[in-house]
PDB file of N, CA and C in Angstrom:
ATOM      1  N   MET A   1      -4.879  62.510 -11.306  1.00  0.00           N
ATOM      2  CA  MET A   1      -5.673  61.686 -10.593  1.00  0.00           C
ATOM      3  C   MET A   1      -7.221  61.645 -10.978  1.00  0.00           C
ATOM      4  N   GLY A   2      -7.642  63.065 -11.461  1.00  0.00           N
ATOM      5  CA  GLY A   2      -8.967  63.257 -11.949  1.00  0.00           C
ATOM      6  C   GLY A   2      -9.197  62.533 -13.088  1.00  0.00           C
ATOM      7  N   ASP A   3      -8.240  62.272 -13.968  1.00  0.00           N
ATOM      8  CA  ASP A   3      -8.367  61.457 -15.232  1.00  0.00           C
ATOM      9  C   ASP A   3      -8.663  60.069 -14.919  1.00  0.00           C
ATOM     10  N   ALA A   4      -8.004  59.476 -13.937  1.00  0.00           N
ATOM     11  CA  ALA A   4      -8.180  58.173 -13.528  1.00  0.00           C
ATOM     12  C   ALA A   4      -9.468  57.946 -12.868  1.00  0.00           C
ATOM     13  N   LEU A   5     -10.042  58.728 -12.164  1.00  0.00           N
ATOM     14  CA  LEU A   5     -11.244  58.549 -11.421  1.00  0.00           C
ATOM     15  C   LEU A   5     -12.517  58.929 -12.604  1.00  0.00           C
ATOM     16  N   GLY A   6     -12.269  59.927 -13.381  1.00  0.00           N
ATOM     17  CA  GLY A   6     -13.096  60.138 -14.347  1.00  0.00           C
ATOM     18  C   GLY A   6     -13.365  59.202 -15.420  1.00  0.00           C
ATOM     19  N   GLY A   7     -12.242  58.455 -15.933  1.00  0.00           N
ATOM     20  CA  GLY A   7     -12.196  57.333 -16.571  1.00  0.00           C
ATOM     21  C   GLY A   7     -12.985  56.030 -16.033  1.00  0.00           C
ATOM     22  N   ILE A   8     -12.781  55.810 -14.860  1.00  0.00           N
ATOM     23  CA  ILE A   8     -13.423  54.891 -14.025  1.00  0.00           C
ATOM     24  C   ILE A   8     -15.085  55.022 -14.155  1.00  0.00           C
ATOM     25  N   ALA A   9     -15.551  56.282 -13.755  1.00  0.00           N
ATOM     26  CA  ALA A   9     -16.768  56.703 -13.741  1.00  0.00           C
ATOM     27  C   ALA A   9     -17.458  56.584 -15.161  1.00  0.00           C
ATOM     28  N   GLU A  10     -16.673  57.090 -16.048  1.00  0.00           N
ATOM     29  CA  GLU A  10     -17.261  57.083 -17.462  1.00  0.00           C
ATOM     30  C   GLU A  10     -17.325  55.686 -18.135  1.00  0.00           C
ATOM     31  N   ARG A  11     -16.406  54.755 -17.811  1.00  0.00           N
ATOM     32  CA  ARG A  11     -16.617  53.570 -18.424  1.00  0.00           C
ATOM     33  C   ARG A  11     -17.227  52.487 -17.519  1.00  0.00           C
ATOM     34  N   SER A  12     -17.623  52.872 -16.295  1.00  0.00           N
ATOM     35  CA  SER A  12     -18.408  51.952 -15.357  1.00  0.00           C
ATOM     36  C   SER A  12     -17.651  50.740 -15.177  1.00  0.00           C
ATOM     37  N   ALA A  13     -16.289  50.891 -15.202  1.00  0.00           N
ATOM     38  CA  ALA A  13     -15.476  49.647 -14.957  1.00  0.00           C
ATOM     39  C   ALA A  13     -14.272  50.036 -14.169  1.00  0.00           C
ATOM     40  N   LYS A  14     -13.440  49.143 -13.750  1.00  0.00           N
ATOM     41  CA  LYS A  14     -12.253  49.369 -12.982  1.00  0.00           C
ATOM     42  C   LYS A  14     -10.963  49.457 -13.899  1.00  0.00           C
ATOM     43  N   THR A  15     -11.124  50.294 -14.870  1.00  0.00           N
ATOM     44  CA  THR A  15      -9.925  50.449 -15.828  1.00  0.00           C
ATOM     45  C   THR A  15      -9.363  51.757 -15.763  1.00  0.00           C
ATOM     46  N   LEU A  16      -8.180  52.109 -15.829  1.00  0.00           N
ATOM     47  CA  LEU A  16      -7.574  53.282 -16.009  1.00  0.00           C
ATOM     48  C   LEU A  16      -7.337  53.828 -17.432  1.00  0.00           C
ATOM     49  N   SER A  17      -7.300  55.168 -17.412  1.00  0.00           N
ATOM     50  CA  SER A  17      -7.100  55.623 -18.827  1.00  0.00           C
ATOM     51  C   SER A  17      -5.710  55.387 -19.166  1.00  0.00           C
ATOM     52  N   ASP A  18      -5.386  55.546 -20.610  1.00  0.00           N
ATOM     53  CA  ASP A  18      -4.067  55.312 -21.237  1.00  0.00           C
ATOM     54  C   ASP A  18      -3.023  56.284 -20.465  1.00  0.00           C
ATOM     55  N   ASP A  19      -3.538  57.474 -20.195  1.00  0.00           N
ATOM     56  CA  ASP A  19      -2.751  58.650 -19.713  1.00  0.00           C
ATOM     57  C   ASP A  19      -2.195  58.279 -18.179  1.00  0.00           C
ATOM     58  N   THR A  20      -3.222  57.688 -17.490  1.00  0.00           N
ATOM     59  CA  THR A  20      -2.923  57.316 -16.097  1.00  0.00           C
ATOM     60  C   THR A  20      -1.939  56.094 -16.050  1.00  0.00           C
ATOM     61  N   GLN A  21      -2.218  55.241 -17.161  1.00  0.00           N
ATOM     62  CA  GLN A  21      -1.326  53.883 -17.127  1.00  0.00           C
ATOM     63  C   GLN A  21       0.178  54.389 -17.507  1.00  0.00           C
ATOM     64  N   LEU A  22       0.196  55.349 -18.401  1.00  0.00           N
ATOM     65  CA  LEU A  22       1.527  55.752 -18.739  1.00  0.00           C
ATOM     66  C   LEU A  22       2.253  56.556 -17.749  1.00  0.00           C
ATOM     67  N   THR A  23       1.373  57.415 -16.888  1.00  0.00           N
ATOM     68  CA  THR A  23       1.944  58.056 -15.816  1.00  0.00           C
ATOM     69  C   THR A  23       2.415  57.148 -14.810  1.00  0.00           C
ATOM     70  N   LEU A  24       1.807  56.069 -14.507  1.00  0.00           N
ATOM     71  CA  LEU A  24       2.186  55.102 -13.514  1.00  0.00           C
ATOM     72  C   LEU A  24       3.467  54.342 -13.959  1.00  0.00           C
ATOM     73  N   ALA A  25       3.484  54.106 -15.295  1.00  0.00           N
ATOM     74  CA  ALA A  25       4.856  53.534 -15.826  1.00  0.00           C
ATOM     75  C   ALA A  25       6.098  54.513 -15.586  1.00  0.00           C
ATOM     76  N   THR A  26       5.698  55.840 -15.912  1.00  0.00           N
ATOM     77  CA  THR A  26       6.832  56.865 -15.707  1.00  0.00           C
ATOM     78  C   THR A  26       7.191  56.882 -14.319  1.00  0.00           C
ATOM     79  N   CYS A  27       6.197  56.691 -13.291  1.00  0.00           N
ATOM     80  CA  CYS A  27       6.647  56.671 -11.896  1.00  0.00           C
ATOM     81  C   CYS A  27       7.552  55.644 -11.549  1.00  0.00           C
ATOM     82  N   GLU A  28       7.104  54.456 -12.111  1.00  0.00           N
ATOM     83  CA  GLU A  28       7.965  53.261 -11.803  1.00  0.00           C
ATOM     84  C   GLU A  28       9.386  53.356 -12.413  1.00  0.00           C
ATOM     85  N   ALA A  29       9.439  53.966 -13.515  1.00  0.00           N
ATOM     86  CA  ALA A  29      10.946  54.178 -14.089  1.00  0.00           C
ATOM     87  C   ALA A  29      11.677  55.203 -13.288  1.00  0.00           C
ATOM     88  N   ILE A  30      11.033  56.314 -12.951  1.00  0.00           N
ATOM     89  CA  ILE A  30      11.569  57.228 -12.072  1.00  0.00           C
ATOM     90  C   ILE A  30      12.222  56.479 -10.645  1.00  0.00           C
ATOM     91  N   LEU A  31      11.337  55.797 -10.058  1.00  0.00           N
ATOM     92  CA  LEU A  31      11.694  55.061  -8.937  1.00  0.00           C
ATOM     93  C   LEU A  31      12.829  54.111  -9.038  1.00  0.00           C
ATOM     94  N   ALA A  32      12.728  53.497 -10.223  1.00  0.00           N
ATOM     95  CA  ALA A  32      13.773  52.359 -10.520  1.00  0.00           C
ATOM     96  C   ALA A  32      15.158  52.998 -10.852  1.00  0.00           C
ATOM     97  N   ALA A  33      15.139  54.210 -11.734  1.00  0.00           N
ATOM     98  CA  ALA A  33      16.339  54.822 -12.128  1.00  0.00           C
ATOM     99  C   ALA A  33      16.870  55.826 -11.057  1.00  0.00           C
ATOM    100  N   GLY A  34      15.991  56.313 -10.336  1.00  0.00           N
ATOM    101  CA  GLY A  34      16.278  57.358  -9.214  1.00  0.00           C
ATOM    102  C   GLY A  34      16.270  58.707  -9.807  1.00  0.00           C
ATOM    103  N   ARG A  35      15.825  58.937 -10.987  1.00  0.00           N
ATOM    104  CA  ARG A  35      15.580  60.105 -11.607  1.00  0.00           C
ATOM    105  C   ARG A  35      14.893  59.928 -12.858  1.00  0.00           C
ATOM    106  N   PRO A  36      14.431  61.150 -13.460  1.00  0.00           N
ATOM    107  CA  PRO A  36      13.719  60.960 -14.714  1.00  0.00           C
ATOM    108  C   PRO A  36      14.589  60.824 -15.918  1.00  0.00           C
ATOM    109  N   ASP A  37      14.649  59.604 -16.415  1.00  0.00           N
ATOM    110  CA  ASP A  37      15.586  59.291 -17.544  1.00  0.00           C
ATOM    111  C   ASP A  37      14.567  58.916 -18.672  1.00  0.00           C
ATOM    112  N   PRO A  38      14.851  59.491 -19.891  1.00  0.00           N
ATOM    113  CA  PRO A  38      13.903  59.178 -21.008  1.00  0.00           C
ATOM    114  C   PRO A  38      13.966  57.578 -21.321  1.00  0.00           C
ATOM    115  N   GLY A  39      15.207  57.034 -21.332  1.00  0.00           N
ATOM    116  CA  GLY A  39      15.443  55.727 -21.701  1.00  0.00           C
ATOM    117  C   GLY A  39      14.821  54.848 -20.767  1.00  0.00           C
ATOM    118  N   ALA A  40      14.997  55.226 -19.529  1.00  0.00           N
ATOM    119  CA  ALA A  40      14.180  54.104 -18.585  1.00  0.00           C
ATOM    120  C   ALA A  40      12.778  54.259 -18.662  1.00  0.00           C
ATOM    121  N   ILE A  41      12.275  55.390 -18.944  1.00  0.00           N
ATOM    122  CA  ILE A  41      10.898  55.694 -18.992  1.00  0.00           C
ATOM    123  C   ILE A  41      10.281  55.041 -20.328  1.00  0.00           C
ATOM    124  N   ALA A  42      10.954  55.236 -21.351  1.00  0.00           N
ATOM    125  CA  ALA A  42      10.579  54.621 -22.500  1.00  0.00           C
ATOM    126  C   ALA A  42      10.607  52.974 -22.447  1.00  0.00           C
ATOM    127  N   ALA A  43      11.513  52.485 -21.765  1.00  0.00           N
ATOM    128  CA  ALA A  43      11.543  51.040 -21.520  1.00  0.00           C
ATOM    129  C   ALA A  43      10.549  50.503 -20.640  1.00  0.00           C
ATOM    130  N   ARG A  44      10.233  51.356 -19.669  1.00  0.00           N
ATOM    131  CA  ARG A  44       9.051  50.985 -18.726  1.00  0.00           C
ATOM    132  C   ARG A  44       7.754  50.925 -19.612  1.00  0.00           C
ATOM    133  N   MET A  45       7.630  52.101 -20.417  1.00  0.00           N
ATOM    134  CA  MET A  45       6.260  52.012 -21.287  1.00  0.00           C
ATOM    135  C   MET A  45       6.312  50.819 -22.062  1.00  0.00           C
ATOM    136  N   ARG A  46       7.388  50.509 -22.812  1.00  0.00           N
ATOM    137  CA  ARG A  46       7.334  49.405 -23.626  1.00  0.00           C
ATOM    138  C   ARG A  46       6.912  48.079 -22.995  1.00  0.00           C
ATOM    139  N   ALA A  47       7.553  47.938 -21.726  1.00  0.00           N
ATOM    140  CA  ALA A  47       7.104  46.796 -20.930  1.00  0.00           C
ATOM    141  C   ALA A  47       5.760  46.734 -20.609  1.00  0.00           C
ATOM    142  N   TRP A  48       5.277  47.692 -20.127  1.00  0.00           N
ATOM    143  CA  TRP A  48       3.792  47.786 -19.927  1.00  0.00           C
ATOM    144  C   TRP A  48       3.038  47.379 -21.136  1.00  0.00           C
ATOM    145  N   PHE A  49       3.286  48.020 -22.140  1.00  0.00           N
ATOM    146  CA  PHE A  49       2.715  47.744 -23.638  1.00  0.00           C
ATOM    147  C   PHE A  49       2.780  46.378 -24.058  1.00  0.00           C
ATOM    148  N   ALA A  50       4.019  45.762 -23.747  1.00  0.00           N
ATOM    149  CA  ALA A  50       4.204  44.295 -24.097  1.00  0.00           C
ATOM    150  C   ALA A  50       3.322  43.261 -23.239  1.00  0.00           C
ATOM    151  N   ALA A  51       3.157  43.831 -22.038  1.00  0.00           N
ATOM    152  CA  ALA A  51       2.335  43.013 -21.184  1.00  0.00           C
ATOM    153  C   ALA A  51       0.877  43.194 -21.211  1.00  0.00           C
ATOM    154  N   GLY A  52       0.477  43.934 -22.050  1.00  0.00           N
ATOM    155  CA  GLY A  52      -0.940  44.390 -22.231  1.00  0.00           C
ATOM    156  C   GLY A  52      -1.524  45.195 -21.185  1.00  0.00           C
ATOM    157  N   GLU A  53      -0.725  46.026 -20.497  1.00  0.00           N
ATOM    158  CA  GLU A  53      -1.002  46.854 -19.460  1.00  0.00           C
ATOM    159  C   GLU A  53      -1.534  48.241 -19.804  1.00  0.00           C
ATOM    160  N   ILE A  54      -1.379  48.566 -21.069  1.00  0.00           N
ATOM    161  CA  ILE A  54      -1.609  50.032 -21.609  1.00  0.00           C
ATOM    162  C   ILE A  54      -2.954  49.763 -22.707  1.00  0.00           C
ATOM    163  N   THR A  55      -4.055  50.442 -22.512  1.00  0.00           N
ATOM    164  CA  THR A  55      -5.100  50.298 -23.408  1.00  0.00           C
ATOM    165  C   THR A  55      -5.724  51.650 -23.897  1.00  0.00           C
ATOM    166  N   GLY A  56      -6.374  51.586 -24.822  1.00  0.00           N
ATOM    167  CA  GLY A  56      -6.967  52.948 -25.199  1.00  0.00           C
ATOM    168  C   GLY A  56      -6.063  53.978 -25.762  1.00  0.00           C
ATOM    169  N   VAL A  57      -4.917  53.820 -26.170  1.00  0.00           N
ATOM    170  CA  VAL A  57      -4.178  54.809 -26.512  1.00  0.00           C
ATOM    171  C   VAL A  57      -4.394  55.671 -27.855  1.00  0.00           C
ATOM    172  N   GLY A  58      -3.983  56.804 -27.989  1.00  0.00           N
ATOM    173  CA  GLY A  58      -4.099  57.498 -29.304  1.00  0.00           C
ATOM    174  C   GLY A  58      -3.106  57.151 -30.273  1.00  0.00           C
ATOM    175  N   SER A  59      -3.262  57.717 -31.552  1.00  0.00           N
ATOM    176  CA  SER A  59      -2.519  57.186 -32.620  1.00  0.00           C
ATOM    177  C   SER A  59      -0.950  57.483 -32.513  1.00  0.00           C
ATOM    178  N   SER A  60      -0.651  58.707 -31.836  1.00  0.00           N
ATOM    179  CA  SER A  60       0.858  59.002 -31.693  1.00  0.00           C
ATOM    180  C   SER A  60       1.518  58.149 -30.690  1.00  0.00           C
ATOM    181  N   THR A  61       0.707  57.887 -29.618  1.00  0.00           N
ATOM    182  CA  THR A  61       1.208  56.935 -28.602  1.00  0.00           C
ATOM    183  C   THR A  61       1.367  55.443 -29.035  1.00  0.00           C
ATOM    184  N   LEU A  62       0.229  55.091 -29.641  1.00  0.00           N
ATOM    185  CA  LEU A  62       0.277  53.716 -30.146  1.00  0.00           C
ATOM    186  C   LEU A  62       1.520  53.425 -31.209  1.00  0.00           C
ATOM    187  N   LYS A  63       1.843  54.378 -32.111  1.00  0.00           N
ATOM    188  CA  LYS A  63       2.749  54.417 -32.895  1.00  0.00           C
ATOM    189  C   LYS A  63       4.180  54.329 -32.071  1.00  0.00           C
ATOM    190  N   ALA A  64       4.441  55.185 -31.026  1.00  0.00           N
ATOM    191  CA  ALA A  64       5.459  55.115 -30.336  1.00  0.00           C
ATOM    192  C   ALA A  64       5.693  53.823 -29.502  1.00  0.00           C
ATOM    193  N   LEU A  65       4.655  53.486 -28.980  1.00  0.00           N
ATOM    194  CA  LEU A  65       4.781  52.097 -28.202  1.00  0.00           C
ATOM    195  C   LEU A  65       5.041  50.938 -29.287  1.00  0.00           C
ATOM    196  N   ARG A  66       4.459  50.911 -30.433  1.00  0.00           N
ATOM    197  CA  ARG A  66       4.832  49.842 -31.272  1.00  0.00           C
ATOM    198  C   ARG A  66       6.319  49.958 -31.841  1.00  0.00           C
ATOM    199  N   ASP A  67       6.679  51.149 -32.031  1.00  0.00           N
ATOM    200  CA  ASP A  67       8.179  51.463 -32.354  1.00  0.00           C
ATOM    201  C   ASP A  67       9.066  51.030 -31.317  1.00  0.00           C
ATOM    202  N   LEU A  68       8.711  51.317 -30.113  1.00  0.00           N
ATOM    203  CA  LEU A  68       9.541  50.761 -28.970  1.00  0.00           C
ATOM    204  C   LEU A  68       9.602  49.377 -28.786  1.00  0.00           C
ATOM    205  N   GLU A  69       8.631  48.704 -28.917  1.00  0.00           N
ATOM    206  CA  GLU A  69       8.297  47.314 -28.892  1.00  0.00           C
ATOM    207  C   GLU A  69       9.289  46.654 -30.052  1.00  0.00           C
ATOM    208  N   ALA A  70       9.391  47.229 -31.208  1.00  0.00           N
ATOM    209  CA  ALA A  70      10.127  46.696 -32.277  1.00  0.00           C
ATOM    210  C   ALA A  70      11.482  47.035 -32.128  1.00  0.00           C
ATOM    211  N   GLY A  71      11.981  47.757 -31.026  1.00  0.00           N
ATOM    212  CA  GLY A  71      13.368  47.989 -30.824  1.00  0.00           C
ATOM    213  C   GLY A  71      13.987  49.430 -31.221  1.00  0.00           C
ATOM    214  N   ALA A  72      12.854  50.278 -31.648  1.00  0.00           N
ATOM    215  CA  ALA A  72      13.388  51.699 -31.937  1.00  0.00           C
ATOM    216  C   ALA A  72      14.014  52.323 -30.583  1.00  0.00           C
ATOM    217  N   HIS A  73      14.858  53.227 -30.840  1.00  0.00           N
ATOM    218  CA  HIS A  73      15.433  54.107 -29.836  1.00  0.00           C
ATOM    219  C   HIS A  73      14.238  55.100 -29.309  1.00  0.00           C
ATOM    220  N   TRP A  74      14.227  55.452 -28.157  1.00  0.00           N
ATOM    221  CA  TRP A  74      13.088  56.318 -27.616  1.00  0.00           C
ATOM    222  C   TRP A  74      13.100  57.552 -28.387  1.00  0.00           C
ATOM    223  N   ALA A  75      14.315  58.062 -28.836  1.00  0.00           N
ATOM    224  CA  ALA A  75      14.289  59.429 -29.458  1.00  0.00           C
ATOM    225  C   ALA A  75      13.797  59.372 -30.939  1.00  0.00           C
ATOM    226  N   LEU A  76      13.807  58.234 -31.484  1.00  0.00           N
ATOM    227  CA  LEU A  76      13.283  57.969 -32.712  1.00  0.00           C
ATOM    228  C   LEU A  76      11.845  57.344 -32.922  1.00  0.00           C
ATOM    229  N   ALA A  77      11.269  57.020 -31.757  1.00  0.00           N
ATOM    230  CA  ALA A  77       9.994  56.194 -31.776  1.00  0.00           C
ATOM    231  C   ALA A  77       8.728  57.333 -31.896  1.00  0.00           C
ATOM    232  N   GLY A  78       7.705  56.900 -32.446  1.00  0.00           N
ATOM    233  CA  GLY A  78       6.566  57.810 -32.292  1.00  0.00           C
ATOM    234  C   GLY A  78       6.332  58.663 -33.513  1.00  0.00           C
ATOM    235  N   ALA A  79       5.145  59.354 -33.609  1.00  0.00           N
ATOM    236  CA  ALA A  79       4.699  60.202 -34.732  1.00  0.00           C
ATOM    237  C   ALA A  79       5.382  61.411 -34.681  1.00  0.00           C
ATOM    238  N   ARG A  80       5.329  62.074 -35.927  1.00  0.00           N
ATOM    239  CA  ARG A  80       5.971  63.518 -35.893  1.00  0.00           C
ATOM    240  C   ARG A  80       5.103  64.320 -36.709  1.00  0.00           C
ATOM    241  N   GLY A  81       5.191  65.667 -36.574  1.00  0.00           N
ATOM    242  CA  GLY A  81       4.275  66.552 -37.413  1.00  0.00           C
ATOM    243  C   GLY A  81       3.105  66.835 -36.528  1.00  0.00           C
ATOM    244  N   GLU A  82       2.191  67.661 -37.199  1.00  0.00           N
ATOM    245  CA  GLU A  82       0.897  68.166 -36.633  1.00  0.00           C
ATOM    246  C   GLU A  82       0.096  67.083 -35.841  1.00  0.00           C
ATOM    247  N   ARG A  83       0.019  65.886 -36.365  1.00  0.00           N
ATOM    248  CA  ARG A  83      -0.703  64.792 -35.729  1.00  0.00           C
ATOM    249  C   ARG A  83      -0.156  64.314 -34.431  1.00  0.00           C
ATOM    250  N   ALA A  84       1.166  64.779 -34.140  1.00  0.00           N
ATOM    251  CA  ALA A  84       1.694  64.356 -32.976  1.00  0.00           C
ATOM    252  C   ALA A  84       1.621  65.397 -31.831  1.00  0.00           C
ATOM    253  N   ALA A  85       0.778  66.264 -32.002  1.00  0.00           N
ATOM    254  CA  ALA A  85       0.649  67.458 -30.964  1.00  0.00           C
ATOM    255  C   ALA A  85      -0.268  67.163 -29.979  1.00  0.00           C
ATOM    256  N   GLY A  86      -0.452  65.856 -29.478  1.00  0.00           N
ATOM    257  CA  GLY A  86      -1.644  65.488 -28.548  1.00  0.00           C
ATOM    258  C   GLY A  86      -1.194  66.079 -27.068  1.00  0.00           C
ATOM    259  N   ASN A  87      -1.931  65.608 -26.178  1.00  0.00           N
ATOM    260  CA  ASN A  87      -1.924  66.052 -24.817  1.00  0.00           C
ATOM    261  C   ASN A  87      -1.355  64.984 -23.980  1.00  0.00           C
ATOM    262  N   GLY A  88      -1.069  63.820 -24.467  1.00  0.00           N
ATOM    263  CA  GLY A  88      -0.546  62.788 -23.754  1.00  0.00           C
ATOM    264  C   GLY A  88       0.749  63.020 -22.815  1.00  0.00           C
ATOM    265  N   ALA A  89       1.728  63.708 -23.456  1.00  0.00           N
ATOM    266  CA  ALA A  89       2.953  64.110 -22.795  1.00  0.00           C
ATOM    267  C   ALA A  89       2.664  64.993 -21.609  1.00  0.00           C
ATOM    268  N   ALA A  90       1.700  65.864 -21.690  1.00  0.00           N
ATOM    269  CA  ALA A  90       1.301  66.742 -20.640  1.00  0.00           C
ATOM    270  C   ALA A  90       0.613  66.099 -19.491  1.00  0.00           C
ATOM    271  N   MET A  91      -0.180  65.024 -19.956  1.00  0.00           N
ATOM    272  CA  MET A  91      -0.887  64.156 -18.897  1.00  0.00           C
ATOM    273  C   MET A  91       0.171  63.460 -17.948  1.00  0.00           C
ATOM    274  N   ARG A  92       1.328  63.180 -18.465  1.00  0.00           N
ATOM    275  CA  ARG A  92       2.361  62.498 -17.724  1.00  0.00           C
ATOM    276  C   ARG A  92       3.320  63.317 -16.993  1.00  0.00           C
ATOM    277  N   ALA A  93       3.164  64.665 -16.896  1.00  0.00           N
ATOM    278  CA  ALA A  93       4.115  65.611 -16.467  1.00  0.00           C
ATOM    279  C   ALA A  93       4.057  65.766 -14.829  1.00  0.00           C
ATOM    280  N   ALA A  94       2.978  65.485 -14.152  1.00  0.00           N
ATOM    281  CA  ALA A  94       3.040  65.551 -12.875  1.00  0.00           C
ATOM    282  C   ALA A  94       4.276  65.107 -12.060  1.00  0.00           C
ATOM    283  N   PRO A  95       4.533  63.812 -12.335  1.00  0.00           N
ATOM    284  CA  PRO A  95       5.722  63.198 -11.436  1.00  0.00           C
ATOM    285  C   PRO A  95       7.141  63.872 -11.784  1.00  0.00           C
ATOM    286  N   LEU A  96       7.173  64.375 -13.059  1.00  0.00           N
ATOM    287  CA  LEU A  96       8.425  65.137 -13.365  1.00  0.00           C
ATOM    288  C   LEU A  96       8.651  66.362 -12.634  1.00  0.00           C
ATOM    289  N   ALA A  97       7.473  66.963 -12.213  1.00  0.00           N
ATOM    290  CA  ALA A  97       7.644  68.187 -11.521  1.00  0.00           C
ATOM    291  C   ALA A  97       8.532  68.140 -10.141  1.00  0.00           C
ATOM    292  N   PHE A  98       8.430  66.952  -9.576  1.00  0.00           N
ATOM    293  CA  PHE A  98       9.079  66.704  -8.408  1.00  0.00           C
ATOM    294  C   PHE A  98      10.725  66.576  -8.703  1.00  0.00           C
ATOM    295  N   PHE A  99      11.107  66.500  -9.863  1.00  0.00           N
ATOM    296  CA  PHE A  99      12.590  66.248 -10.161  1.00  0.00           C
ATOM    297  C   PHE A  99      13.138  67.389 -11.075  1.00  0.00           C
ATOM    298  N   LEU A 100      12.402  67.854 -11.852  1.00  0.00           N
ATOM    299  CA  LEU A 100      12.905  68.801 -12.983  1.00  0.00           C
ATOM    300  C   LEU A 100      12.142  70.232 -12.744  1.00  0.00           C
ATOM    301  N   ASP A 101      13.139  71.208 -12.814  1.00  0.00           N
ATOM    302  CA  ASP A 101      12.795  72.483 -12.655  1.00  0.00           C
ATOM    303  C   ASP A 101      12.693  73.247 -14.144  1.00  0.00           C
ATOM    304  N   PRO A 102      11.620  73.624 -14.772  1.00  0.00           N
ATOM    305  CA  PRO A 102      11.668  74.237 -16.074  1.00  0.00           C
ATOM    306  C   PRO A 102      12.246  75.380 -16.180  1.00  0.00           C
ATOM    307  N   ALA A 103      12.729  76.016 -15.074  1.00  0.00           N
ATOM    308  CA  ALA A 103      13.416  77.339 -15.192  1.00  0.00           C
ATOM    309  C   ALA A 103      14.963  77.011 -15.474  1.00  0.00           C
ATOM    310  N   ASN A 104      15.385  75.645 -15.464  1.00  0.00           N
ATOM    311  CA  ASN A 104      16.893  75.173 -15.819  1.00  0.00           C
ATOM    312  C   ASN A 104      16.710  74.702 -17.229  1.00  0.00           C
ATOM    313  N   ALA A 105      17.647  75.299 -17.982  1.00  0.00           N
ATOM    314  CA  ALA A 105      17.745  74.777 -19.381  1.00  0.00           C
ATOM    315  C   ALA A 105      18.010  73.439 -19.671  1.00  0.00           C
ATOM    316  N   GLU A 106      18.958  72.738 -18.781  1.00  0.00           N
ATOM    317  CA  GLU A 106      19.140  71.380 -18.902  1.00  0.00           C
ATOM    318  C   GLU A 106      17.818  70.450 -18.552  1.00  0.00           C
ATOM    319  N   ASN A 107      17.162  70.888 -17.580  1.00  0.00           N
ATOM    320  CA  ASN A 107      15.815  70.349 -17.272  1.00  0.00           C
ATOM    321  C   ASN A 107      14.877  70.327 -18.352  1.00  0.00           C
ATOM    322  N   ARG A 108      14.909  71.614 -18.956  1.00  0.00           N
ATOM    323  CA  ARG A 108      13.857  71.759 -20.018  1.00  0.00           C
ATOM    324  C   ARG A 108      14.098  70.804 -21.208  1.00  0.00           C
ATOM    325  N   VAL A 109      15.350  70.631 -21.453  1.00  0.00           N
ATOM    326  CA  VAL A 109      15.777  69.581 -22.568  1.00  0.00           C
ATOM    327  C   VAL A 109      15.273  68.218 -22.007  1.00  0.00           C
ATOM    328  N   ARG A 110      15.516  68.001 -20.748  1.00  0.00           N
ATOM    329  CA  ARG A 110      15.028  66.537 -20.333  1.00  0.00           C
ATOM    330  C   ARG A 110      13.566  66.365 -20.503  1.00  0.00           C
ATOM    331  N   LEU A 111      12.817  67.567 -19.985  1.00  0.00           N
ATOM    332  CA  LEU A 111      11.361  67.549 -20.087  1.00  0.00           C
ATOM    333  C   LEU A 111      10.927  67.237 -21.465  1.00  0.00           C
ATOM    334  N   ARG A 112      11.625  68.014 -22.464  1.00  0.00           N
ATOM    335  CA  ARG A 112      11.237  67.811 -23.952  1.00  0.00           C
ATOM    336  C   ARG A 112      11.522  66.383 -24.404  1.00  0.00           C
ATOM    337  N   ASP A 113      12.730  65.907 -24.010  1.00  0.00           N
ATOM    338  CA  ASP A 113      13.010  64.637 -24.417  1.00  0.00           C
ATOM    339  C   ASP A 113      11.965  63.551 -23.878  1.00  0.00           C
ATOM    340  N   ILE A 114      11.563  63.568 -22.709  1.00  0.00           N
ATOM    341  CA  ILE A 114      10.515  62.578 -22.133  1.00  0.00           C
ATOM    342  C   ILE A 114       9.289  62.868 -22.928  1.00  0.00           C
ATOM    343  N   ALA A 115       8.680  64.065 -23.209  1.00  0.00           N
ATOM    344  CA  ALA A 115       7.484  64.272 -23.887  1.00  0.00           C
ATOM    345  C   ALA A 115       7.717  63.571 -25.360  1.00  0.00           C
ATOM    346  N   ARG A 116       8.812  63.668 -25.931  1.00  0.00           N
ATOM    347  CA  ARG A 116       9.073  63.213 -27.248  1.00  0.00           C
ATOM    348  C   ARG A 116       9.022  61.664 -27.316  1.00  0.00           C
ATOM    349  N   ILE A 117       9.066  61.128 -26.313  1.00  0.00           N
ATOM    350  CA  ILE A 117       9.093  59.436 -26.292  1.00  0.00           C
ATOM    351  C   ILE A 117       7.676  59.188 -27.217  1.00  0.00           C
ATOM    352  N   THR A 118       6.768  59.931 -26.934  1.00  0.00           N
ATOM    353  CA  THR A 118       5.400  59.618 -27.649  1.00  0.00           C
ATOM    354  C   THR A 118       4.990  60.806 -28.585  1.00  0.00           C
ATOM    355  N   HIS A 119       5.424  61.966 -28.222  1.00  0.00           N
ATOM    356  CA  HIS A 119       4.849  63.172 -29.060  1.00  0.00           C
ATOM    357  C   HIS A 119       5.949  64.112 -29.583  1.00  0.00           C
ATOM    358  N   HIS A 120       6.368  63.881 -30.905  1.00  0.00           N
ATOM    359  CA  HIS A 120       7.404  64.780 -31.500  1.00  0.00           C
ATOM    360  C   HIS A 120       6.791  65.938 -31.899  1.00  0.00           C
ATOM    361  N   HIS A 121       6.360  66.872 -31.111  1.00  0.00           N
ATOM    362  CA  HIS A 121       5.834  68.043 -31.548  1.00  0.00           C
ATOM    363  C   HIS A 121       5.970  69.151 -30.550  1.00  0.00           C
ATOM    364  N   ASP A 122       6.583  70.252 -30.786  1.00  0.00           N
ATOM    365  CA  ASP A 122       6.849  71.244 -29.867  1.00  0.00           C
ATOM    366  C   ASP A 122       5.569  71.682 -28.954  1.00  0.00           C
ATOM    367  N   GLY A 123       4.396  71.580 -29.457  1.00  0.00           N
ATOM    368  CA  GLY A 123       3.084  71.853 -28.878  1.00  0.00           C
ATOM    369  C   GLY A 123       2.836  70.970 -27.642  1.00  0.00           C
ATOM    370  N   ALA A 124       3.384  69.643 -27.834  1.00  0.00           N
ATOM    371  CA  ALA A 124       3.083  68.648 -26.968  1.00  0.00           C
ATOM    372  C   ALA A 124       3.954  68.751 -25.786  1.00  0.00           C
TER     373      ALA A 124
END
């Protein structure tokens, strides 16, 4: 939420940051699917991007969104390597905390998969 409010104050406009936009798309996908599903989240991000609802993204996220829009599978979209170690995935993690327990190995895999929609780096 601080990201959203800070972005508005910084830009002196009623726009949200790309991290907030993608977090909202993540929330919509979770509500529609009833659980955090990487495919549903990627599809919602793609839909928001196609509709022009996501602005100001970094290079890793932009590559992922373009790949998704071109029909790439969510697990294959996006940048890899050191340049893919951004903080975008961490910025979208808050709604996932209501559903996924990182102490559970299966949940950790799901968290990693959701992060990898846009950032294919273990640091992300």
